[in-house]
Protein backbone atom coordinates (compact mmCIF):
# COMPACT_ATOMS: atom_id res chain seq x y z
CA UNK A 1 2.75 96.95 38.83
CA UNK A 2 5.82 96.56 36.42
CA UNK A 3 8.00 94.21 38.42
CA UNK A 4 5.20 91.36 37.83
CA UNK A 5 6.72 91.38 34.21
CA UNK A 6 10.48 90.90 35.53
CA UNK A 7 9.66 88.28 37.97
CA UNK A 8 6.78 85.83 36.35
CA UNK A 9 7.70 86.36 32.59
CA UNK A 10 5.43 83.60 31.49
CA UNK A 11 2.55 86.63 31.71
CA UNK A 12 3.95 87.89 28.67
CA UNK A 13 2.27 85.53 26.24
CA UNK A 14 -1.09 86.34 27.91
CA UNK A 15 -1.10 89.87 28.00
CA UNK A 16 0.67 90.22 24.16
CA UNK A 17 -2.44 88.00 23.11
CA UNK A 18 -4.62 90.44 24.92
CA UNK A 19 -3.17 93.41 23.01
CA UNK A 20 -2.85 91.88 19.91
CA UNK A 21 0.89 91.18 19.04
CA UNK A 22 1.99 88.26 18.09
CA UNK A 23 4.53 86.41 20.06
CA UNK A 24 5.80 82.82 19.89
CA UNK A 25 4.96 80.79 22.74
CA UNK A 26 8.82 79.88 23.48
CA UNK A 27 10.44 83.21 23.42
CA UNK A 28 13.21 84.03 25.97
CA UNK A 29 12.97 86.66 28.41
CA UNK A 30 15.99 88.49 30.07
CA UNK A 31 15.70 91.49 32.13
CA UNK A 32 18.00 94.33 30.93
CA UNK A 33 19.07 97.56 32.93
CA UNK A 34 16.63 99.98 33.75
CA UNK A 35 19.06 102.69 33.67
CA UNK A 36 18.91 104.84 30.72
CA UNK A 37 21.42 107.78 32.09
CA UNK A 38 23.71 109.31 29.90
CA UNK A 39 27.15 110.83 30.75
CA UNK A 40 25.93 113.63 31.43
CA UNK A 41 24.63 113.94 35.07
CA UNK A 42 20.65 113.40 34.36
CA UNK A 43 19.08 110.38 35.74
CA UNK A 44 16.14 108.61 34.02
CA UNK A 45 15.22 105.13 34.73
CA UNK A 46 12.49 103.23 32.80
CA UNK A 47 10.35 100.81 35.35
CA UNK A 48 11.37 97.76 33.58
CA UNK A 49 13.25 96.72 30.57
CA UNK A 50 13.13 93.30 29.00
CA UNK A 51 14.77 91.48 26.06
CA UNK A 52 12.29 89.26 24.27
CA UNK A 53 13.96 86.01 22.02
CA UNK A 54 11.21 85.08 20.09
CA UNK A 55 11.66 81.63 18.34
CA UNK A 56 9.91 82.62 15.38
CA UNK A 57 11.57 85.91 14.89
CA UNK A 58 14.22 88.83 16.20
CA UNK A 59 14.97 89.56 19.45
CA UNK A 60 13.32 93.05 20.53
CA UNK A 61 13.16 94.84 23.76
CA UNK A 62 10.46 95.66 25.88
CA UNK A 63 10.12 98.82 27.95
CA UNK A 64 7.58 98.55 30.64
CA UNK A 65 5.95 101.20 32.74
CA UNK A 66 3.48 101.25 35.39
CA UNK A 67 1.33 104.57 35.47
CA UNK A 68 -1.22 105.28 38.10
CA UNK A 69 -2.14 108.76 36.35
CA UNK A 70 -1.69 111.00 33.80
CA UNK A 71 1.69 113.05 34.09
CA UNK A 72 2.78 116.58 32.19
CA UNK A 73 5.72 115.88 30.40
CA UNK A 74 5.82 111.67 30.62
CA UNK A 75 4.98 111.57 27.04
CA UNK A 76 8.66 113.41 25.81
CA UNK A 77 9.98 110.64 28.67
CA UNK A 78 8.52 107.64 26.85
CA UNK A 79 10.03 109.13 23.58
CA UNK A 80 13.48 109.59 25.45
CA UNK A 81 13.11 106.01 26.32
CA UNK A 82 12.65 104.07 23.05
CA UNK A 83 15.14 106.40 21.44
CA UNK A 84 17.69 105.77 23.78
CA UNK A 85 17.32 101.93 23.97
CA UNK A 86 17.13 101.11 20.17
CA UNK A 87 20.17 103.26 19.77
CA UNK A 88 21.96 101.52 22.65
CA UNK A 89 21.24 98.10 22.11
CA UNK A 90 20.37 98.24 18.14
CA UNK A 91 17.37 96.71 18.54
CA UNK A 92 13.92 97.45 17.79
CA UNK A 93 11.88 98.51 21.10
CA UNK A 94 7.95 98.66 22.12
CA UNK A 95 7.04 100.27 25.05
CA UNK A 96 4.06 99.02 27.29
CA UNK A 97 2.14 101.16 29.82
CA UNK A 98 -0.03 99.43 32.35
CA UNK A 99 -2.74 101.51 33.95
CA UNK A 100 -5.19 100.90 36.86
CA UNK A 101 -8.53 103.23 35.41
CA UNK A 102 -9.24 103.86 31.98
CA UNK A 103 -8.64 107.94 31.47
CA UNK A 104 -5.15 107.29 32.36
CA UNK A 105 -5.26 103.85 29.83
CA UNK A 106 -6.80 106.21 26.93
CA UNK A 107 -4.35 108.99 27.36
CA UNK A 108 -0.76 106.49 27.71
CA UNK A 109 -2.51 105.11 24.23
CA UNK A 110 -1.41 108.14 22.59
CA UNK A 111 0.16 108.56 19.93
CA UNK A 112 2.72 111.53 21.00
CA UNK A 113 4.07 113.32 18.28
CA UNK A 114 7.37 115.19 18.50
CA UNK A 115 7.69 117.94 15.46
CA UNK A 116 6.50 121.28 13.97
CA UNK A 117 5.35 123.21 11.25
CA UNK A 118 3.48 120.17 10.05
CA UNK A 119 6.18 117.97 9.90
CA UNK A 120 6.84 114.82 12.43
CA UNK A 121 9.98 113.98 13.50
CA UNK A 122 9.03 111.21 15.83
CA UNK A 123 5.62 109.41 16.81
CA UNK A 124 5.34 107.12 19.81
CA UNK A 125 2.48 104.54 19.93
CA UNK A 126 2.62 103.01 23.52
CA UNK A 127 0.88 99.74 23.92
CA UNK A 128 -1.54 100.08 26.97
CA UNK A 129 -2.86 97.31 29.48
CA UNK A 130 -5.33 98.55 31.24
CA UNK A 131 -9.19 97.65 33.09
CA UNK A 132 -10.35 98.35 29.43
CA UNK A 133 -8.48 95.30 27.75
CA UNK A 134 -7.21 92.94 30.55
CA UNK A 135 -9.78 90.43 31.60
CA UNK A 136 -11.67 89.97 34.85
CA UNK A 137 -10.95 86.58 36.10
CA UNK A 138 -13.16 85.74 38.86
CA UNK A 139 -13.10 82.05 38.45
CA UNK A 140 -10.86 80.07 40.69
CA UNK A 141 -9.47 77.51 38.13
CA UNK A 142 -9.09 80.18 35.46
CA UNK A 143 -7.24 82.06 38.16
CA UNK A 144 -4.99 78.68 39.09
CA UNK A 145 -4.30 78.26 35.23
CA UNK A 146 -2.50 81.75 34.76
CA UNK A 147 -2.01 83.19 38.39
CA UNK A 148 0.23 85.72 36.82
CA UNK A 149 -2.76 87.21 34.61
CA UNK A 150 -5.26 86.92 37.58
CA UNK A 151 -3.09 89.14 39.83
CA UNK A 152 -2.46 91.48 36.94
CA UNK A 153 -6.16 91.46 36.47
CA UNK A 154 -6.79 92.34 40.03
CA UNK A 155 -3.86 95.18 39.95
CA UNK A 156 -5.61 96.57 36.61
CA UNK A 157 -9.39 96.37 38.34
CA UNK A 158 -8.08 97.62 41.53
CA UNK A 159 -10.52 100.34 41.66
CA UNK A 160 -13.64 98.57 40.27
CA UNK A 161 -16.24 96.55 42.42
CA UNK A 162 -15.21 93.49 40.17
CA UNK A 163 -11.99 93.21 42.04
CA UNK A 164 -13.61 91.73 45.13
CA UNK A 165 -14.50 88.53 43.00
CA UNK A 166 -10.82 88.51 41.42
CA UNK A 167 -9.28 88.45 44.69
CA UNK A 168 -11.67 85.72 45.82
CA UNK A 169 -10.63 83.61 43.02
CA UNK A 170 -6.86 83.97 43.26
CA UNK A 171 -7.37 83.23 47.36
CA UNK A 172 -8.81 80.19 46.42
CA UNK A 173 -6.35 79.14 43.81
CA UNK A 174 -3.36 80.25 46.19
CA UNK A 175 -5.31 77.81 48.83
CA UNK A 176 -4.49 75.00 46.47
CA UNK A 177 -1.06 75.99 45.08
CA UNK A 178 0.55 76.31 48.50
CA UNK A 179 0.37 72.72 48.76
CA UNK A 180 2.39 71.89 46.07
CA UNK A 181 4.32 74.97 45.33
CA UNK A 182 4.62 77.10 49.17
CA UNK A 183 6.99 79.57 47.31
CA UNK A 184 4.95 80.44 44.15
CA UNK A 185 2.11 80.98 46.21
CA UNK A 186 3.79 83.08 49.19
CA UNK A 187 5.27 85.05 46.45
CA UNK A 188 1.90 85.92 45.03
CA UNK A 189 0.36 86.64 48.49
CA UNK A 190 3.22 89.20 49.22
CA UNK A 191 3.05 90.62 45.68
CA UNK A 192 -0.58 91.48 46.05
CA UNK A 193 -0.02 92.93 49.53
CA UNK A 194 2.51 95.02 48.30
CA UNK A 195 1.17 96.24 45.37
CA UNK A 196 -2.41 97.06 46.59
CA UNK A 197 -1.25 98.65 50.14
CA UNK A 198 -3.90 100.44 51.88
CA UNK A 199 -6.41 100.65 48.92
CA UNK A 200 -9.75 99.54 49.70
CA UNK A 201 -8.70 96.65 47.20
CA UNK A 202 -5.55 95.90 49.91
CA UNK A 203 -8.20 96.28 52.62
CA UNK A 204 -10.22 93.22 51.06
CA UNK A 205 -7.42 91.10 50.24
CA UNK A 206 -5.95 91.26 54.02
CA UNK A 207 -9.77 90.33 55.30
CA UNK A 208 -9.91 87.96 52.90
CA UNK A 209 -6.69 86.35 54.38
CA UNK A 210 -7.30 86.52 57.57
CA UNK A 211 -9.45 83.92 57.90
CA UNK A 212 -6.71 81.86 56.44
CA UNK A 213 -4.02 80.17 58.36
CA UNK A 214 -1.18 81.21 55.70
CA UNK A 215 1.99 82.66 55.88
CA UNK A 216 4.12 83.67 58.95
CA UNK A 217 4.34 87.54 59.63
CA UNK A 218 1.35 88.65 58.01
CA UNK A 219 -1.04 89.79 61.14
CA UNK A 220 -3.93 87.38 60.38
CA UNK A 221 -6.48 87.11 62.56
CA UNK A 222 -5.35 83.21 63.24
CA UNK A 223 -1.72 84.21 63.52
CA UNK A 224 -2.19 87.04 65.84
CA UNK A 225 -3.73 84.78 68.42
CA UNK A 226 -1.38 81.97 67.87
CA UNK A 227 1.76 84.23 68.43
CA UNK A 228 -0.31 86.09 71.05
CA UNK A 229 2.39 85.79 74.10
CA UNK A 230 5.20 84.29 71.97
CA UNK A 231 7.42 87.36 71.77
CA UNK A 232 10.20 85.34 69.80
CA UNK A 233 8.16 84.00 67.44
CA UNK A 234 6.84 87.22 66.37
CA UNK A 235 9.47 89.01 66.39
CA UNK A 236 10.93 85.96 63.86
CA UNK A 237 7.58 86.37 61.69
CA UNK A 238 7.46 90.07 61.57
CA UNK A 239 11.52 89.93 60.33
CA UNK A 240 10.62 87.51 57.52
CA UNK A 241 7.75 89.78 56.63
CA UNK A 242 9.98 93.02 56.48
CA UNK A 243 12.54 90.68 54.28
CA UNK A 244 9.81 89.94 51.99
CA UNK A 245 8.35 92.93 51.02
CA UNK A 246 11.55 94.54 50.39
CA UNK A 247 12.15 91.68 48.29
CA UNK A 248 9.02 91.83 46.23
CA UNK A 249 9.86 95.72 45.82
CA UNK A 250 13.15 94.88 44.46
CA UNK A 251 14.79 96.77 47.42
CA UNK A 252 18.56 95.25 48.09
CA UNK A 253 19.11 94.43 51.46
CA UNK A 254 22.76 94.73 52.91
CA UNK A 255 23.67 91.93 55.41
CA UNK A 256 24.03 94.85 58.02
CA UNK A 257 20.38 95.58 57.57
CA UNK A 258 19.35 92.06 57.32
CA UNK A 259 21.32 91.45 60.43
CA UNK A 260 19.63 94.24 62.58
CA UNK A 261 15.59 93.17 61.50
CA UNK A 262 16.35 89.66 62.24
CA UNK A 263 18.31 90.62 65.59
CA UNK A 264 15.54 92.98 66.87
CA UNK A 265 12.66 92.00 69.68
CA UNK A 266 10.79 95.20 69.85
CA UNK A 267 7.35 94.34 68.05
CA UNK A 268 6.28 98.34 68.23
CA UNK A 269 9.92 99.01 66.11
CA UNK A 270 9.36 96.11 64.07
CA UNK A 271 5.72 97.18 63.31
CA UNK A 272 7.16 100.83 62.28
CA UNK A 273 9.70 98.89 59.96
CA UNK A 274 6.99 96.96 58.46
CA UNK A 275 4.75 99.88 57.53
CA UNK A 276 7.83 101.99 56.02
CA UNK A 277 9.02 98.71 54.17
CA UNK A 278 6.19 99.08 51.76
CA UNK A 279 7.23 102.23 50.63
CA UNK A 280 11.13 103.22 51.48
CA UNK A 281 13.46 103.50 48.45
CA UNK A 282 16.30 102.27 50.24
CA UNK A 283 16.28 99.22 52.88
CA UNK A 284 18.39 101.74 55.64
CA UNK A 285 15.43 104.27 55.37
CA UNK A 286 13.78 101.79 57.45
CA UNK A 287 15.47 102.79 60.52
CA UNK A 288 15.41 106.46 59.90
CA UNK A 289 13.42 109.01 58.42
CA UNK A 290 13.40 112.85 57.92
CA UNK A 291 11.19 113.83 61.06
CA UNK A 292 10.53 110.66 62.31
CA UNK A 293 13.48 108.82 63.92
CA UNK A 294 12.67 105.38 65.60
CA UNK A 295 11.31 105.05 68.83
CA UNK A 296 13.73 104.72 71.96
CA UNK A 297 15.11 101.54 73.05
CA UNK A 298 13.19 100.08 75.51
């Protein structure tokens, strides 16, 4: 969920408005390294870090974490992120936690104290965006005006019945957008397909899109019928789908990996790669995973 802030920073204004944090409309947004590892071999990474440059004030850093549930010790990591980023970049730091359920959002709001014997040395107040404060956008026109916010709304409300209506509205907006800006429409289609995955909301999204002649490589009903018996054309679509999922997830793809994917014509193997592309941490892991090697070459 955090990647949408990197790739569609225009969403920040709407989310900050929901959170009651003033942000000028002409603010600049730049991605910052998410590595907060010290010289010692202890790896720590924030999901997303952005440098915000408001036109009416000083720059600040926004650390964004996607939280699907309560995790013991996470509050200590958040305190570390805030303190480390402030010390390294000499800028104020805000922490935004994006959640999909109300109990997690309530916990993530804190505050979280570090101290003892009645004395607080550090207190962290995360900003929290979740189903309690992100709007339910079920109108196609409203969704079209701010697709990024509508998509975030769908993710935040993915576990609620309202999500079906949100996805319907987004689908209508995307069908209109693909006529004028197919690249943006494809981005949001891919983003929802990857982030919703095999959840009930993800299955609903796939059902909606199965009735739309949309983009290649998605396995929709119309596409499957169209590509039946056309192995070469379907392989190209599968390859595009695999690469699109990796791109949306921010997984680097080397020339060697890209060549192996695009040159493959084994549809069963490519189906396996497409499924793995949703969860692998490295593109190379598509081709082999512990206890489950690639199927034999036919």
